[in-house]
PDB file of N, CA and C in Angstrom:
ATOM      1  N   UNK A   1     -20.522  10.225  21.460  1.00  0.00           N
ATOM      2  CA  UNK A   1     -19.230  10.106  22.041  1.00  0.00           C
ATOM      3  C   UNK A   1     -19.298  10.505  23.532  1.00  0.00           C
ATOM      4  N   UNK A   2     -18.783   9.669  24.373  1.00  0.00           N
ATOM      5  CA  UNK A   2     -18.822   9.898  25.809  1.00  0.00           C
ATOM      6  C   UNK A   2     -17.418  10.284  26.270  1.00  0.00           C
ATOM      7  N   UNK A   3     -17.270  11.575  26.527  1.00  0.00           N
ATOM      8  CA  UNK A   3     -15.962  12.066  27.020  1.00  0.00           C
ATOM      9  C   UNK A   3     -15.908  11.994  28.504  1.00  0.00           C
ATOM     10  N   UNK A   4     -14.802  11.571  28.988  1.00  0.00           N
ATOM     11  CA  UNK A   4     -14.571  11.629  30.445  1.00  0.00           C
ATOM     12  C   UNK A   4     -13.516  12.654  30.711  1.00  0.00           C
ATOM     13  N   UNK A   5     -13.750  13.354  31.762  1.00  0.00           N
ATOM     14  CA  UNK A   5     -12.800  14.424  32.132  1.00  0.00           C
ATOM     15  C   UNK A   5     -12.045  13.934  33.365  1.00  0.00           C
ATOM     16  N   UNK A   6     -10.797  14.240  33.480  1.00  0.00           N
ATOM     17  CA  UNK A   6     -10.022  13.785  34.647  1.00  0.00           C
ATOM     18  C   UNK A   6     -10.567  14.542  35.888  1.00  0.00           C
ATOM     19  N   UNK A   7     -10.438  13.800  37.001  1.00  0.00           N
ATOM     20  CA  UNK A   7     -10.776  14.415  38.282  1.00  0.00           C
ATOM     21  C   UNK A   7      -9.640  15.261  38.722  1.00  0.00           C
ATOM     22  N   UNK A   8      -9.882  16.556  38.844  1.00  0.00           N
ATOM     23  CA  UNK A   8      -8.870  17.475  39.252  1.00  0.00           C
ATOM     24  C   UNK A   8      -9.063  17.826  40.752  1.00  0.00           C
ATOM     25  N   UNK A   9      -8.045  17.818  41.468  1.00  0.00           N
ATOM     26  CA  UNK A   9      -8.063  18.228  42.852  1.00  0.00           C
ATOM     27  C   UNK A   9      -7.414  19.564  42.938  1.00  0.00           C
ATOM     28  N   UNK A  10      -8.154  20.506  43.401  1.00  0.00           N
ATOM     29  CA  UNK A  10      -7.683  21.890  43.545  1.00  0.00           C
ATOM     30  C   UNK A  10      -7.388  22.095  45.013  1.00  0.00           C
ATOM     31  N   UNK A  11      -6.172  22.413  45.339  1.00  0.00           N
ATOM     32  CA  UNK A  11      -5.818  22.591  46.766  1.00  0.00           C
ATOM     33  C   UNK A  11      -6.604  23.770  47.331  1.00  0.00           C
ATOM     34  N   UNK A  12      -7.036  23.586  48.548  1.00  0.00           N
ATOM     35  CA  UNK A  12      -7.717  24.689  49.233  1.00  0.00           C
ATOM     36  C   UNK A  12      -6.764  25.840  49.511  1.00  0.00           C
ATOM     37  N   UNK A  13      -7.242  27.061  49.307  1.00  0.00           N
ATOM     38  CA  UNK A  13      -6.494  28.260  49.596  1.00  0.00           C
ATOM     39  C   UNK A  13      -6.553  28.451  51.066  1.00  0.00           C
ATOM     40  N   UNK A  14      -5.417  28.666  51.703  1.00  0.00           N
ATOM     41  CA  UNK A  14      -5.436  28.935  53.120  1.00  0.00           C
ATOM     42  C   UNK A  14      -6.100  30.312  53.393  1.00  0.00           C
ATOM     43  N   UNK A  15      -6.978  30.268  54.390  1.00  0.00           N
ATOM     44  CA  UNK A  15      -7.738  31.421  54.759  1.00  0.00           C
ATOM     45  C   UNK A  15      -6.854  32.446  55.432  1.00  0.00           C
ATOM     46  N   UNK A  16      -5.851  31.951  56.199  1.00  0.00           N
ATOM     47  CA  UNK A  16      -5.006  32.795  56.955  1.00  0.00           C
ATOM     48  C   UNK A  16      -3.538  32.470  56.800  1.00  0.00           C
ATOM     49  N   UNK A  17      -2.649  33.479  56.929  1.00  0.00           N
ATOM     50  CA  UNK A  17      -1.211  33.195  56.753  1.00  0.00           C
ATOM     51  C   UNK A  17      -0.680  32.343  57.868  1.00  0.00           C
ATOM     52  N   UNK A  18       0.375  31.584  57.607  1.00  0.00           N
ATOM     53  CA  UNK A  18       0.957  30.738  58.627  1.00  0.00           C
ATOM     54  C   UNK A  18       1.883  31.483  59.560  1.00  0.00           C
ATOM     55  N   UNK A  19       2.416  32.625  59.069  1.00  0.00           N
ATOM     56  CA  UNK A  19       3.341  33.411  59.878  1.00  0.00           C
ATOM     57  C   UNK A  19       2.530  34.086  61.034  1.00  0.00           C
ATOM     58  N   UNK A  20       2.945  33.872  62.319  1.00  0.00           N
ATOM     59  CA  UNK A  20       2.178  34.436  63.457  1.00  0.00           C
ATOM     60  C   UNK A  20       1.980  35.940  63.402  1.00  0.00           C
ATOM     61  N   UNK A  21       2.967  36.704  62.993  1.00  0.00           N
ATOM     62  CA  UNK A  21       2.865  38.163  62.932  1.00  0.00           C
ATOM     63  C   UNK A  21       1.845  38.565  61.877  1.00  0.00           C
ATOM     64  N   UNK A  22       1.875  37.923  60.730  1.00  0.00           N
ATOM     65  CA  UNK A  22       0.927  38.189  59.633  1.00  0.00           C
ATOM     66  C   UNK A  22      -0.431  37.769  60.039  1.00  0.00           C
ATOM     67  N   UNK A  23      -0.581  36.603  60.755  1.00  0.00           N
ATOM     68  CA  UNK A  23      -1.870  36.146  61.212  1.00  0.00           C
ATOM     69  C   UNK A  23      -2.490  37.154  62.190  1.00  0.00           C
ATOM     70  N   UNK A  24      -1.702  37.602  63.130  1.00  0.00           N
ATOM     71  CA  UNK A  24      -2.199  38.611  64.099  1.00  0.00           C
ATOM     72  C   UNK A  24      -2.703  39.860  63.398  1.00  0.00           C
ATOM     73  N   UNK A  25      -1.911  40.304  62.434  1.00  0.00           N
ATOM     74  CA  UNK A  25      -2.308  41.486  61.637  1.00  0.00           C
ATOM     75  C   UNK A  25      -3.589  41.243  60.839  1.00  0.00           C
ATOM     76  N   UNK A  26      -3.721  40.007  60.282  1.00  0.00           N
ATOM     77  CA  UNK A  26      -4.920  39.699  59.485  1.00  0.00           C
ATOM     78  C   UNK A  26      -6.175  39.640  60.323  1.00  0.00           C
ATOM     79  N   UNK A  27      -6.068  39.332  61.606  1.00  0.00           N
ATOM     80  CA  UNK A  27      -7.279  39.202  62.444  1.00  0.00           C
ATOM     81  C   UNK A  27      -7.624  40.469  63.224  1.00  0.00           C
ATOM     82  N   UNK A  28      -6.640  41.257  63.536  1.00  0.00           N
ATOM     83  CA  UNK A  28      -6.849  42.448  64.383  1.00  0.00           C
ATOM     84  C   UNK A  28      -7.756  43.433  63.662  1.00  0.00           C
ATOM     85  N   UNK A  29      -8.877  43.848  64.363  1.00  0.00           N
ATOM     86  CA  UNK A  29      -9.816  44.769  63.827  1.00  0.00           C
ATOM     87  C   UNK A  29     -10.882  44.173  62.978  1.00  0.00           C
ATOM     88  N   UNK A  30     -10.816  42.820  62.759  1.00  0.00           N
ATOM     89  CA  UNK A  30     -11.779  42.137  61.950  1.00  0.00           C
ATOM     90  C   UNK A  30     -12.963  41.578  62.727  1.00  0.00           C
ATOM     91  N   UNK A  31     -14.120  41.451  62.109  1.00  0.00           N
ATOM     92  CA  UNK A  31     -15.222  40.761  62.678  1.00  0.00           C
ATOM     93  C   UNK A  31     -15.098  39.321  62.219  1.00  0.00           C
ATOM     94  N   UNK A  32     -15.061  38.426  63.195  1.00  0.00           N
ATOM     95  CA  UNK A  32     -14.802  37.002  62.934  1.00  0.00           C
ATOM     96  C   UNK A  32     -16.083  36.159  63.215  1.00  0.00           C
ATOM     97  N   UNK A  33     -16.405  35.350  62.244  1.00  0.00           N
ATOM     98  CA  UNK A  33     -17.468  34.348  62.423  1.00  0.00           C
ATOM     99  C   UNK A  33     -16.773  33.049  62.778  1.00  0.00           C
ATOM    100  N   UNK A  34     -17.126  32.516  63.945  1.00  0.00           N
ATOM    101  CA  UNK A  34     -16.375  31.367  64.517  1.00  0.00           C
ATOM    102  C   UNK A  34     -17.346  30.214  64.796  1.00  0.00           C
ATOM    103  N   UNK A  35     -16.930  29.002  64.423  1.00  0.00           N
ATOM    104  CA  UNK A  35     -17.682  27.802  64.734  1.00  0.00           C
ATOM    105  C   UNK A  35     -17.132  27.108  65.939  1.00  0.00           C
ATOM    106  N   UNK A  36     -17.870  27.136  67.034  1.00  0.00           N
ATOM    107  CA  UNK A  36     -17.397  26.453  68.248  1.00  0.00           C
ATOM    108  C   UNK A  36     -17.379  24.936  68.068  1.00  0.00           C
ATOM    109  N   UNK A  37     -16.460  24.272  68.724  1.00  0.00           N
ATOM    110  CA  UNK A  37     -16.471  22.845  68.740  1.00  0.00           C
ATOM    111  C   UNK A  37     -17.535  22.298  69.633  1.00  0.00           C
ATOM    112  N   UNK A  38     -17.824  23.032  70.733  1.00  0.00           N
ATOM    113  CA  UNK A  38     -18.822  22.639  71.736  1.00  0.00           C
ATOM    114  C   UNK A  38     -20.026  23.567  71.607  1.00  0.00           C
ATOM    115  N   UNK A  39     -21.161  23.166  72.271  1.00  0.00           N
ATOM    116  CA  UNK A  39     -22.295  24.000  72.274  1.00  0.00           C
ATOM    117  C   UNK A  39     -22.028  25.351  72.935  1.00  0.00           C
ATOM    118  N   UNK A  40     -22.701  26.378  72.480  1.00  0.00           N
ATOM    119  CA  UNK A  40     -22.538  27.701  72.990  1.00  0.00           C
ATOM    120  C   UNK A  40     -23.636  28.019  74.030  1.00  0.00           C
ATOM    121  N   UNK A  41     -23.263  28.674  75.094  1.00  0.00           N
ATOM    122  CA  UNK A  41     -24.309  29.098  76.055  1.00  0.00           C
ATOM    123  C   UNK A  41     -24.914  30.422  75.683  1.00  0.00           C
ATOM    124  N   UNK A  42     -24.370  31.069  74.618  1.00  0.00           N
ATOM    125  CA  UNK A  42     -24.881  32.360  74.235  1.00  0.00           C
ATOM    126  C   UNK A  42     -25.777  32.286  72.957  1.00  0.00           C
ATOM    127  N   UNK A  43     -25.421  31.422  72.036  1.00  0.00           N
ATOM    128  CA  UNK A  43     -26.234  31.261  70.818  1.00  0.00           C
ATOM    129  C   UNK A  43     -26.774  29.868  70.733  1.00  0.00           C
ATOM    130  N   UNK A  44     -27.950  29.654  70.088  1.00  0.00           N
ATOM    131  CA  UNK A  44     -28.528  28.337  69.966  1.00  0.00           C
ATOM    132  C   UNK A  44     -27.751  27.361  69.087  1.00  0.00           C
ATOM    133  N   UNK A  45     -27.005  27.902  68.132  1.00  0.00           N
ATOM    134  CA  UNK A  45     -26.162  27.061  67.302  1.00  0.00           C
ATOM    135  C   UNK A  45     -24.769  27.226  67.815  1.00  0.00           C
ATOM    136  N   UNK A  46     -23.796  26.654  67.158  1.00  0.00           N
ATOM    137  CA  UNK A  46     -22.391  26.700  67.602  1.00  0.00           C
ATOM    138  C   UNK A  46     -21.624  27.875  66.959  1.00  0.00           C
ATOM    139  N   UNK A  47     -22.318  28.768  66.240  1.00  0.00           N
ATOM    140  CA  UNK A  47     -21.662  29.849  65.542  1.00  0.00           C
ATOM    141  C   UNK A  47     -21.665  31.138  66.374  1.00  0.00           C
ATOM    142  N   UNK A  48     -20.507  31.740  66.500  1.00  0.00           N
ATOM    143  CA  UNK A  48     -20.363  32.928  67.290  1.00  0.00           C
ATOM    144  C   UNK A  48     -19.725  34.036  66.410  1.00  0.00           C
ATOM    145  N   UNK A  49     -19.961  35.317  66.853  1.00  0.00           N
ATOM    146  CA  UNK A  49     -19.403  36.459  66.113  1.00  0.00           C
ATOM    147  C   UNK A  49     -18.634  37.305  67.115  1.00  0.00           C
ATOM    148  N   UNK A  50     -17.384  37.563  66.782  1.00  0.00           N
ATOM    149  CA  UNK A  50     -16.515  38.406  67.654  1.00  0.00           C
ATOM    150  C   UNK A  50     -15.826  39.479  66.807  1.00  0.00           C
ATOM    151  N   UNK A  51     -15.625  40.632  67.396  1.00  0.00           N
ATOM    152  CA  UNK A  51     -14.842  41.702  66.824  1.00  0.00           C
ATOM    153  C   UNK A  51     -13.513  41.639  67.507  1.00  0.00           C
ATOM    154  N   UNK A  52     -12.429  41.292  66.769  1.00  0.00           N
ATOM    155  CA  UNK A  52     -11.108  41.122  67.355  1.00  0.00           C
ATOM    156  C   UNK A  52     -10.473  42.478  67.657  1.00  0.00           C
ATOM    157  N   UNK A  53     -10.204  42.734  68.897  1.00  0.00           N
ATOM    158  CA  UNK A  53      -9.517  43.949  69.370  1.00  0.00           C
ATOM    159  C   UNK A  53      -8.026  43.807  69.239  1.00  0.00           C
ATOM    160  N   UNK A  54      -7.511  42.585  69.551  1.00  0.00           N
ATOM    161  CA  UNK A  54      -6.095  42.372  69.439  1.00  0.00           C
ATOM    162  C   UNK A  54      -5.775  40.883  69.639  1.00  0.00           C
ATOM    163  N   UNK A  55      -4.627  40.506  69.111  1.00  0.00           N
ATOM    164  CA  UNK A  55      -4.171  39.105  69.225  1.00  0.00           C
ATOM    165  C   UNK A  55      -3.086  39.080  70.283  1.00  0.00           C
ATOM    166  N   UNK A  56      -3.262  38.284  71.338  1.00  0.00           N
ATOM    167  CA  UNK A  56      -2.313  38.185  72.424  1.00  0.00           C
ATOM    168  C   UNK A  56      -1.266  37.103  72.186  1.00  0.00           C
ATOM    169  N   UNK A  57      -1.661  35.970  71.544  1.00  0.00           N
ATOM    170  CA  UNK A  57      -0.753  34.864  71.343  1.00  0.00           C
ATOM    171  C   UNK A  57      -1.213  34.035  70.149  1.00  0.00           C
ATOM    172  N   UNK A  58      -0.239  33.464  69.454  1.00  0.00           N
ATOM    173  CA  UNK A  58      -0.455  32.446  68.412  1.00  0.00           C
ATOM    174  C   UNK A  58       0.367  31.229  68.819  1.00  0.00           C
ATOM    175  N   UNK A  59      -0.344  30.088  68.873  1.00  0.00           N
ATOM    176  CA  UNK A  59       0.345  28.873  69.333  1.00  0.00           C
ATOM    177  C   UNK A  59      -0.274  27.627  68.756  1.00  0.00           C
ATOM    178  N   UNK A  60       0.381  26.514  68.960  1.00  0.00           N
ATOM    179  CA  UNK A  60      -0.170  25.178  68.578  1.00  0.00           C
ATOM    180  C   UNK A  60      -0.562  24.462  69.813  1.00  0.00           C
ATOM    181  N   UNK A  61      -1.765  23.989  69.924  1.00  0.00           N
ATOM    182  CA  UNK A  61      -2.262  23.267  71.063  1.00  0.00           C
ATOM    183  C   UNK A  61      -1.492  21.989  71.277  1.00  0.00           C
ATOM    184  N   UNK A  62      -0.986  21.745  72.449  1.00  0.00           N
ATOM    185  CA  UNK A  62      -0.336  20.481  72.759  1.00  0.00           C
ATOM    186  C   UNK A  62      -1.285  19.315  72.743  1.00  0.00           C
ATOM    187  N   UNK A  63      -2.508  19.591  73.190  1.00  0.00           N
ATOM    188  CA  UNK A  63      -3.522  18.506  73.251  1.00  0.00           C
ATOM    189  C   UNK A  63      -4.040  18.035  71.883  1.00  0.00           C
ATOM    190  N   UNK A  64      -4.302  18.999  71.030  1.00  0.00           N
ATOM    191  CA  UNK A  64      -4.935  18.615  69.727  1.00  0.00           C
ATOM    192  C   UNK A  64      -4.032  18.792  68.521  1.00  0.00           C
ATOM    193  N   UNK A  65      -2.960  19.584  68.703  1.00  0.00           N
ATOM    194  CA  UNK A  65      -2.120  19.924  67.559  1.00  0.00           C
ATOM    195  C   UNK A  65      -2.659  21.020  66.670  1.00  0.00           C
ATOM    196  N   UNK A  66      -3.800  21.596  67.079  1.00  0.00           N
ATOM    197  CA  UNK A  66      -4.451  22.639  66.298  1.00  0.00           C
ATOM    198  C   UNK A  66      -3.735  24.015  66.498  1.00  0.00           C
ATOM    199  N   UNK A  67      -3.703  24.807  65.434  1.00  0.00           N
ATOM    200  CA  UNK A  67      -3.149  26.190  65.576  1.00  0.00           C
ATOM    201  C   UNK A  67      -4.244  27.030  66.201  1.00  0.00           C
ATOM    202  N   UNK A  68      -3.876  27.818  67.168  1.00  0.00           N
ATOM    203  CA  UNK A  68      -4.816  28.623  67.977  1.00  0.00           C
ATOM    204  C   UNK A  68      -4.313  30.064  68.133  1.00  0.00           C
ATOM    205  N   UNK A  69      -5.290  30.930  68.445  1.00  0.00           N
ATOM    206  CA  UNK A  69      -4.948  32.317  68.829  1.00  0.00           C
ATOM    207  C   UNK A  69      -5.683  32.655  70.101  1.00  0.00           C
ATOM    208  N   UNK A  70      -5.000  33.398  71.001  1.00  0.00           N
ATOM    209  CA  UNK A  70      -5.676  34.000  72.137  1.00  0.00           C
ATOM    210  C   UNK A  70      -5.928  35.428  71.766  1.00  0.00           C
ATOM    211  N   UNK A  71      -7.199  35.826  71.802  1.00  0.00           N
ATOM    212  CA  UNK A  71      -7.588  37.145  71.348  1.00  0.00           C
ATOM    213  C   UNK A  71      -8.417  37.917  72.363  1.00  0.00           C
ATOM    214  N   UNK A  72      -8.292  39.231  72.324  1.00  0.00           N
ATOM    215  CA  UNK A  72      -9.198  40.088  73.071  1.00  0.00           C
ATOM    216  C   UNK A  72     -10.280  40.483  72.070  1.00  0.00           C
ATOM    217  N   UNK A  73     -11.574  40.294  72.470  1.00  0.00           N
ATOM    218  CA  UNK A  73     -12.638  40.506  71.530  1.00  0.00           C
ATOM    219  C   UNK A  73     -13.766  41.313  72.155  1.00  0.00           C
ATOM    220  N   UNK A  74     -14.556  41.932  71.273  1.00  0.00           N
ATOM    221  CA  UNK A  74     -15.905  42.380  71.713  1.00  0.00           C
ATOM    222  C   UNK A  74     -16.821  41.215  71.239  1.00  0.00           C
ATOM    223  N   UNK A  75     -17.560  40.620  72.174  1.00  0.00           N
ATOM    224  CA  UNK A  75     -18.425  39.522  71.873  1.00  0.00           C
ATOM    225  C   UNK A  75     -19.770  40.095  71.355  1.00  0.00           C
ATOM    226  N   UNK A  76     -19.903  40.093  70.041  1.00  0.00           N
ATOM    227  CA  UNK A  76     -21.086  40.684  69.357  1.00  0.00           C
ATOM    228  C   UNK A  76     -22.355  39.994  69.838  1.00  0.00           C
ATOM    229  N   UNK A  77     -22.278  38.676  70.019  1.00  0.00           N
ATOM    230  CA  UNK A  77     -23.460  37.901  70.457  1.00  0.00           C
ATOM    231  C   UNK A  77     -23.850  38.152  71.920  1.00  0.00           C
ATOM    232  N   UNK A  78     -22.943  38.784  72.680  1.00  0.00           N
ATOM    233  CA  UNK A  78     -23.196  38.977  74.088  1.00  0.00           C
ATOM    234  C   UNK A  78     -23.109  40.502  74.409  1.00  0.00           C
ATOM    235  N   UNK A  79     -23.754  41.316  73.583  1.00  0.00           N
ATOM    236  CA  UNK A  79     -23.846  42.748  73.840  1.00  0.00           C
ATOM    237  C   UNK A  79     -22.611  43.529  73.673  1.00  0.00           C
ATOM    238  N   UNK A  80     -21.593  42.942  72.999  1.00  0.00           N
ATOM    239  CA  UNK A  80     -20.349  43.642  72.723  1.00  0.00           C
ATOM    240  C   UNK A  80     -19.372  43.657  73.890  1.00  0.00           C
ATOM    241  N   UNK A  81     -19.649  42.817  74.898  1.00  0.00           N
ATOM    242  CA  UNK A  81     -18.780  42.837  76.063  1.00  0.00           C
ATOM    243  C   UNK A  81     -17.335  42.379  75.706  1.00  0.00           C
ATOM    244  N   UNK A  82     -16.360  42.880  76.404  1.00  0.00           N
ATOM    245  CA  UNK A  82     -14.960  42.586  76.116  1.00  0.00           C
ATOM    246  C   UNK A  82     -14.602  41.285  76.851  1.00  0.00           C
ATOM    247  N   UNK A  83     -13.973  40.353  76.099  1.00  0.00           N
ATOM    248  CA  UNK A  83     -13.628  39.068  76.657  1.00  0.00           C
ATOM    249  C   UNK A  83     -12.327  38.612  76.011  1.00  0.00           C
ATOM    250  N   UNK A  84     -11.694  37.650  76.670  1.00  0.00           N
ATOM    251  CA  UNK A  84     -10.535  36.980  76.058  1.00  0.00           C
ATOM    252  C   UNK A  84     -11.034  35.614  75.665  1.00  0.00           C
ATOM    253  N   UNK A  85     -10.631  35.205  74.444  1.00  0.00           N
ATOM    254  CA  UNK A  85     -11.051  33.880  73.954  1.00  0.00           C
ATOM    255  C   UNK A  85      -9.863  33.191  73.243  1.00  0.00           C
ATOM    256  N   UNK A  86      -9.798  31.899  73.343  1.00  0.00           N
ATOM    257  CA  UNK A  86      -8.843  31.098  72.574  1.00  0.00           C
ATOM    258  C   UNK A  86      -9.651  30.484  71.429  1.00  0.00           C
ATOM    259  N   UNK A  87      -9.207  30.762  70.217  1.00  0.00           N
ATOM    260  CA  UNK A  87      -9.930  30.289  69.031  1.00  0.00           C
ATOM    261  C   UNK A  87      -8.989  29.343  68.235  1.00  0.00           C
ATOM    262  N   UNK A  88      -9.534  28.242  67.764  1.00  0.00           N
ATOM    263  CA  UNK A  88      -8.850  27.385  66.810  1.00  0.00           C
ATOM    264  C   UNK A  88      -8.951  28.022  65.475  1.00  0.00           C
ATOM    265  N   UNK A  89      -7.834  28.187  64.789  1.00  0.00           N
ATOM    266  CA  UNK A  89      -7.851  28.817  63.447  1.00  0.00           C
ATOM    267  C   UNK A  89      -8.792  28.131  62.514  1.00  0.00           C
ATOM    268  N   UNK A  90      -8.844  26.801  62.573  1.00  0.00           N
ATOM    269  CA  UNK A  90      -9.740  26.041  61.670  1.00  0.00           C
ATOM    270  C   UNK A  90     -11.226  26.293  61.941  1.00  0.00           C
ATOM    271  N   UNK A  91     -11.555  26.846  63.103  1.00  0.00           N
ATOM    272  CA  UNK A  91     -12.903  27.175  63.428  1.00  0.00           C
ATOM    273  C   UNK A  91     -13.357  28.537  62.927  1.00  0.00           C
ATOM    274  N   UNK A  92     -12.432  29.322  62.441  1.00  0.00           N
ATOM    275  CA  UNK A  92     -12.770  30.669  61.914  1.00  0.00           C
ATOM    276  C   UNK A  92     -13.306  30.521  60.514  1.00  0.00           C
ATOM    277  N   UNK A  93     -14.579  30.876  60.323  1.00  0.00           N
ATOM    278  CA  UNK A  93     -15.248  30.701  59.007  1.00  0.00           C
ATOM    279  C   UNK A  93     -14.985  31.911  58.161  1.00  0.00           C
ATOM    280  N   UNK A  94     -14.919  33.119  58.714  1.00  0.00           N
ATOM    281  CA  UNK A  94     -14.597  34.276  57.945  1.00  0.00           C
ATOM    282  C   UNK A  94     -14.080  35.396  58.921  1.00  0.00           C
ATOM    283  N   UNK A  95     -13.334  36.318  58.274  1.00  0.00           N
ATOM    284  CA  UNK A  95     -12.824  37.490  59.022  1.00  0.00           C
ATOM    285  C   UNK A  95     -12.869  38.667  58.085  1.00  0.00           C
ATOM    286  N   UNK A  96     -13.836  39.551  58.345  1.00  0.00           N
ATOM    287  CA  UNK A  96     -14.012  40.733  57.497  1.00  0.00           C
ATOM    288  C   UNK A  96     -13.973  42.027  58.278  1.00  0.00           C
TER     289      UNK A  96
END
């Protein structure tokens, strides 16, 4: 007997809350692994690691429609130097 099982589509769980205040709280103090859209001048691949010191702004990009955050970070890949970065939420692979 050949049983076929239905194809189930399980919705992806959102990694981050949609509420800007909750999103800022979820990222602050976390170490974030981020996938750059463009090549990085600091790492050979497009993956970067930042320690988020604080979230300055949460917004939607007018150009791409992507949800973004402007953050103050310690750039782990660059000796821990303090920088400001704009990150696309979809590029954040993890925040621990």
